[in-house]
Amino acid sequence: MSSALENGAPPAGLARRLLSLAYEALVLFAVLALGATPFIALTDGVEHVVARPLLQLYLVGLAGAYFVCQWLRGGQTLAMKTWGLRLVPRHEGALTLGQALQRYCIALAGLLALGAGFAWALFDRDHQFLHDRLAGTRIVKDEG
């Protein structure tokens, strides 16, 4: 576990990160429900075969915008703040837009693969999620 303190902060435990994910699901549900309302109103009368995939793409984009903006603005979503977690780059420096986008896309793929990207943490030497390992990020305890 020599890489645990590369960025100067102690790593967050797996249990805390999983509890934060459960809370994150509730927050995300609210964001998506509120965000879907205007889309549904605007596409009223559009064929479902067209509107449904557009809604799905819109919601994926909305979720991505929520996460990426929150990560870039202090490294925390509401759930992460509540659980005392922060997203940081693996090495010193600021989180980049590229890392945040990469993390979101890989996390989405891991979720669609029946949660395999999250289950990865059970086997990872530092208990990191696959999207953190590949994007060069990690979740640490928020000491601030």
C-alpha atoms as a PDB file:
ATOM      1  CA  MET A   1       0.000   0.000   0.000  1.00  0.00           C
ATOM      2  CA  SER A   2       2.894   2.304  -0.706  1.00  0.00           C
ATOM      3  CA  SER A   3       0.817   4.423  -3.099  1.00  0.00           C
ATOM      4  CA  ALA A   4      -1.780   5.204  -0.428  1.00  0.00           C
ATOM      5  CA  LEU A   5      -0.290   8.560   0.519  1.00  0.00           C
ATOM      6  CA  GLU A   6       1.107   9.698  -2.842  1.00  0.00           C
ATOM      7  CA  ASN A   7      -1.137  12.753  -2.814  1.00  0.00           C
ATOM      8  CA  GLY A   8      -0.612  13.477   0.887  1.00  0.00           C
ATOM      9  CA  ALA A   9      -4.045  12.370   2.105  1.00  0.00           C
ATOM     10  CA  PRO A  10      -5.061   9.109   3.758  1.00  0.00           C
ATOM     11  CA  PRO A  11      -7.154   6.781   1.590  1.00  0.00           C
ATOM     12  CA  ALA A  12     -10.847   6.412   2.332  1.00  0.00           C
ATOM     13  CA  GLY A  13     -12.020   2.994   3.433  1.00  0.00           C
ATOM     14  CA  LEU A  14     -14.083   0.807   1.129  1.00  0.00           C
ATOM     15  CA  ALA A  15     -17.082   0.670   3.483  1.00  0.00           C
ATOM     16  CA  ARG A  16     -17.272   4.470   3.671  1.00  0.00           C
ATOM     17  CA  ARG A  17     -17.041   4.763  -0.120  1.00  0.00           C
ATOM     18  CA  LEU A  18     -19.807   2.187  -0.596  1.00  0.00           C
ATOM     19  CA  LEU A  19     -22.086   3.974   1.879  1.00  0.00           C
ATOM     20  CA  SER A  20     -21.402   7.208   0.048  1.00  0.00           C
ATOM     21  CA  LEU A  21     -22.383   5.492  -3.216  1.00  0.00           C
ATOM     22  CA  ALA A  22     -25.749   4.516  -1.732  1.00  0.00           C
ATOM     23  CA  TYR A  23     -26.375   8.132  -0.747  1.00  0.00           C
ATOM     24  CA  GLU A  24     -25.107   9.245  -4.159  1.00  0.00           C
ATOM     25  CA  ALA A  25     -27.760   7.092  -5.827  1.00  0.00           C
ATOM     26  CA  LEU A  26     -30.488   8.975  -3.953  1.00  0.00           C
ATOM     27  CA  VAL A  27     -29.051  12.377  -4.870  1.00  0.00           C
ATOM     28  CA  LEU A  28     -28.597  11.327  -8.485  1.00  0.00           C
ATOM     29  CA  PHE A  29     -32.192  10.078  -8.654  1.00  0.00           C
ATOM     30  CA  ALA A  30     -33.393  13.539  -7.578  1.00  0.00           C
ATOM     31  CA  VAL A  31     -31.103  15.319 -10.077  1.00  0.00           C
ATOM     32  CA  LEU A  32     -32.270  13.098 -12.928  1.00  0.00           C
ATOM     33  CA  ALA A  33     -35.953  13.301 -11.984  1.00  0.00           C
ATOM     34  CA  LEU A  34     -35.827  17.096 -11.898  1.00  0.00           C
ATOM     35  CA  GLY A  35     -33.739  17.252 -15.049  1.00  0.00           C
ATOM     36  CA  ALA A  36     -36.017  14.886 -16.972  1.00  0.00           C
ATOM     37  CA  THR A  37     -39.132  16.978 -16.353  1.00  0.00           C
ATOM     38  CA  PRO A  38     -38.437  19.725 -18.920  1.00  0.00           C
ATOM     39  CA  PHE A  39     -37.186  17.177 -21.467  1.00  0.00           C
ATOM     40  CA  ILE A  40     -40.364  15.138 -21.157  1.00  0.00           C
ATOM     41  CA  ALA A  41     -42.495  18.266 -21.455  1.00  0.00           C
ATOM     42  CA  LEU A  42     -40.627  19.359 -24.588  1.00  0.00           C
ATOM     43  CA  THR A  43     -40.887  15.961 -26.260  1.00  0.00           C
ATOM     44  CA  ASP A  44     -44.566  15.452 -25.521  1.00  0.00           C
ATOM     45  CA  GLY A  45     -46.132  14.127 -28.720  1.00  0.00           C
ATOM     46  CA  VAL A  46     -42.840  12.852 -30.151  1.00  0.00           C
ATOM     47  CA  GLU A  47     -42.839   9.174 -31.074  1.00  0.00           C
ATOM     48  CA  HIS A  48     -41.618   7.042 -28.168  1.00  0.00           C
ATOM     49  CA  VAL A  49     -39.224   5.184 -30.428  1.00  0.00           C
ATOM     50  CA  VAL A  50     -37.411   8.517 -30.919  1.00  0.00           C
ATOM     51  CA  ALA A  51     -37.996  10.190 -27.545  1.00  0.00           C
ATOM     52  CA  ARG A  52     -36.875   7.290 -25.363  1.00  0.00           C
ATOM     53  CA  PRO A  53     -33.293   6.950 -26.656  1.00  0.00           C
ATOM     54  CA  LEU A  54     -32.955  10.745 -26.692  1.00  0.00           C
ATOM     55  CA  LEU A  55     -34.094  10.865 -23.059  1.00  0.00           C
ATOM     56  CA  GLN A  56     -31.605   8.165 -22.131  1.00  0.00           C
ATOM     57  CA  LEU A  57     -28.733  10.018 -23.799  1.00  0.00           C
ATOM     58  CA  TYR A  58     -29.846  13.260 -22.172  1.00  0.00           C
ATOM     59  CA  LEU A  59     -29.893  11.639 -18.717  1.00  0.00           C
ATOM     60  CA  VAL A  60     -26.434  10.111 -19.197  1.00  0.00           C
ATOM     61  CA  GLY A  61     -25.176  13.557 -20.202  1.00  0.00           C
ATOM     62  CA  LEU A  62     -26.948  15.220 -17.279  1.00  0.00           C
ATOM     63  CA  ALA A  63     -25.452  12.738 -14.809  1.00  0.00           C
ATOM     64  CA  GLY A  64     -22.034  13.281 -16.375  1.00  0.00           C
ATOM     65  CA  ALA A  65     -22.381  17.045 -16.112  1.00  0.00           C
ATOM     66  CA  TYR A  66     -23.418  16.744 -12.458  1.00  0.00           C
ATOM     67  CA  PHE A  67     -20.497  14.534 -11.479  1.00  0.00           C
ATOM     68  CA  VAL A  68     -17.786  16.211 -13.557  1.00  0.00           C
ATOM     69  CA  CYS A  69     -18.785  19.719 -12.443  1.00  0.00           C
ATOM     70  CA  GLN A  70     -18.872  18.701  -8.782  1.00  0.00           C
ATOM     71  CA  TRP A  71     -15.550  16.868  -8.962  1.00  0.00           C
ATOM     72  CA  LEU A  72     -13.857  19.800 -10.659  1.00  0.00           C
ATOM     73  CA  ARG A  73     -15.377  22.246  -8.163  1.00  0.00           C
ATOM     74  CA  GLY A  74     -13.662  20.991  -5.034  1.00  0.00           C
ATOM     75  CA  GLY A  75     -13.519  17.248  -5.657  1.00  0.00           C
ATOM     76  CA  GLN A  76     -16.781  16.471  -3.880  1.00  0.00           C
ATOM     77  CA  THR A  77     -20.413  15.748  -4.595  1.00  0.00           C
ATOM     78  CA  LEU A  78     -23.019  16.255  -1.871  1.00  0.00           C
ATOM     79  CA  ALA A  79     -22.743  12.604  -0.850  1.00  0.00           C
ATOM     80  CA  MET A  80     -18.964  12.805  -0.711  1.00  0.00           C
ATOM     81  CA  LYS A  81     -19.148  15.921   1.486  1.00  0.00           C
ATOM     82  CA  THR A  82     -21.566  14.168   3.822  1.00  0.00           C
ATOM     83  CA  TRP A  83     -19.301  11.128   4.168  1.00  0.00           C
ATOM     84  CA  GLY A  84     -16.064  13.139   4.418  1.00  0.00           C
ATOM     85  CA  LEU A  85     -14.618  12.033   1.084  1.00  0.00           C
ATOM     86  CA  ARG A  86     -12.743  13.887  -1.640  1.00  0.00           C
ATOM     87  CA  LEU A  87     -11.688  12.932  -5.153  1.00  0.00           C
ATOM     88  CA  VAL A  88      -8.066  13.791  -5.903  1.00  0.00           C
ATOM     89  CA  PRO A  89      -5.531  12.920  -8.575  1.00  0.00           C
ATOM     90  CA  ARG A  90      -3.258  10.024  -7.676  1.00  0.00           C
ATOM     91  CA  HIS A  91      -0.254  12.354  -7.769  1.00  0.00           C
ATOM     92  CA  GLU A  92       0.099  15.953  -6.597  1.00  0.00           C
ATOM     93  CA  GLY A  93      -1.718  18.612  -8.589  1.00  0.00           C
ATOM     94  CA  ALA A  94      -5.264  19.505  -9.488  1.00  0.00           C
ATOM     95  CA  LEU A  95      -7.855  17.183 -10.937  1.00  0.00           C
ATOM     96  CA  THR A  96      -8.113  17.794 -14.678  1.00  0.00           C
ATOM     97  CA  LEU A  97     -11.185  17.872 -16.885  1.00  0.00           C
ATOM     98  CA  GLY A  98      -9.749  14.906 -18.773  1.00  0.00           C
ATOM     99  CA  GLN A  99      -9.416  12.843 -15.601  1.00  0.00           C
ATOM    100  CA  ALA A 100     -12.944  13.724 -14.484  1.00  0.00           C
ATOM    101  CA  LEU A 101     -14.461  12.836 -17.868  1.00  0.00           C
ATOM    102  CA  GLN A 102     -12.427   9.643 -18.090  1.00  0.00           C
ATOM    103  CA  ARG A 103     -13.477   8.646 -14.572  1.00  0.00           C
ATOM    104  CA  TYR A 104     -17.156   9.218 -15.363  1.00  0.00           C
ATOM    105  CA  CYS A 105     -17.067   7.283 -18.644  1.00  0.00           C
ATOM    106  CA  ILE A 106     -15.189   4.327 -17.144  1.00  0.00           C
ATOM    107  CA  ALA A 107     -17.476   4.299 -14.077  1.00  0.00           C
ATOM    108  CA  LEU A 108     -20.529   4.285 -16.356  1.00  0.00           C
ATOM    109  CA  ALA A 109     -19.104   1.392 -18.368  1.00  0.00           C
ATOM    110  CA  GLY A 110     -18.276  -0.480 -15.158  1.00  0.00           C
ATOM    111  CA  LEU A 111     -21.791   0.078 -13.874  1.00  0.00           C
ATOM    112  CA  LEU A 112     -23.325  -1.145 -17.136  1.00  0.00           C
ATOM    113  CA  ALA A 113     -21.101  -4.229 -16.887  1.00  0.00           C
ATOM    114  CA  LEU A 114     -23.196  -5.325 -13.897  1.00  0.00           C
ATOM    115  CA  GLY A 115     -21.135  -3.270 -11.465  1.00  0.00           C
ATOM    116  CA  ALA A 116     -17.836  -4.938 -12.346  1.00  0.00           C
ATOM    117  CA  GLY A 117     -15.957  -1.630 -12.139  1.00  0.00           C
ATOM    118  CA  PHE A 118     -17.080  -1.210  -8.547  1.00  0.00           C
ATOM    119  CA  ALA A 119     -16.589  -4.879  -7.625  1.00  0.00           C
ATOM    120  CA  TRP A 120     -12.994  -4.433  -8.803  1.00  0.00           C
ATOM    121  CA  ALA A 121     -12.282  -2.764  -5.444  1.00  0.00           C
ATOM    122  CA  LEU A 122     -12.692  -6.122  -3.710  1.00  0.00           C
ATOM    123  CA  PHE A 123      -9.616  -7.424  -5.541  1.00  0.00           C
ATOM    124  CA  ASP A 124      -7.548  -4.262  -6.062  1.00  0.00           C
ATOM    125  CA  ARG A 125      -4.429  -4.052  -3.871  1.00  0.00           C
ATOM    126  CA  ASP A 126      -5.473  -0.577  -2.625  1.00  0.00           C
ATOM    127  CA  HIS A 127      -9.231  -1.334  -2.773  1.00  0.00           C
ATOM    128  CA  GLN A 128      -9.692   1.321  -5.463  1.00  0.00           C
ATOM    129  CA  PHE A 129     -12.541   1.223  -7.960  1.00  0.00           C
ATOM    130  CA  LEU A 130     -11.503   0.379 -11.521  1.00  0.00           C
ATOM    131  CA  HIS A 131     -12.444   3.854 -12.773  1.00  0.00           C
ATOM    132  CA  ASP A 132     -10.135   5.451 -10.195  1.00  0.00           C
ATOM    133  CA  ARG A 133      -7.303   3.103 -11.051  1.00  0.00           C
ATOM    134  CA  LEU A 134      -7.595   3.828 -14.795  1.00  0.00           C
ATOM    135  CA  ALA A 135      -8.280   7.570 -14.553  1.00  0.00           C
ATOM    136  CA  GLY A 136      -5.384   8.219 -12.171  1.00  0.00           C
ATOM    137  CA  THR A 137      -7.618   9.360  -9.326  1.00  0.00           C
ATOM    138  CA  ARG A 138      -8.403   8.176  -5.817  1.00  0.00           C
ATOM    139  CA  ILE A 139     -10.911   8.891  -3.101  1.00  0.00           C
ATOM    140  CA  VAL A 140      -9.390  10.057   0.155  1.00  0.00           C
ATOM    141  CA  LYS A 141     -10.615  11.117   3.573  1.00  0.00           C
ATOM    142  CA  ASP A 142     -11.427  14.819   3.543  1.00  0.00           C
ATOM    143  CA  GLU A 143      -9.288  16.353   6.235  1.00  0.00           C
ATOM    144  CA  GLY A 144     -10.696  19.845   5.656  1.00  0.00           C
END
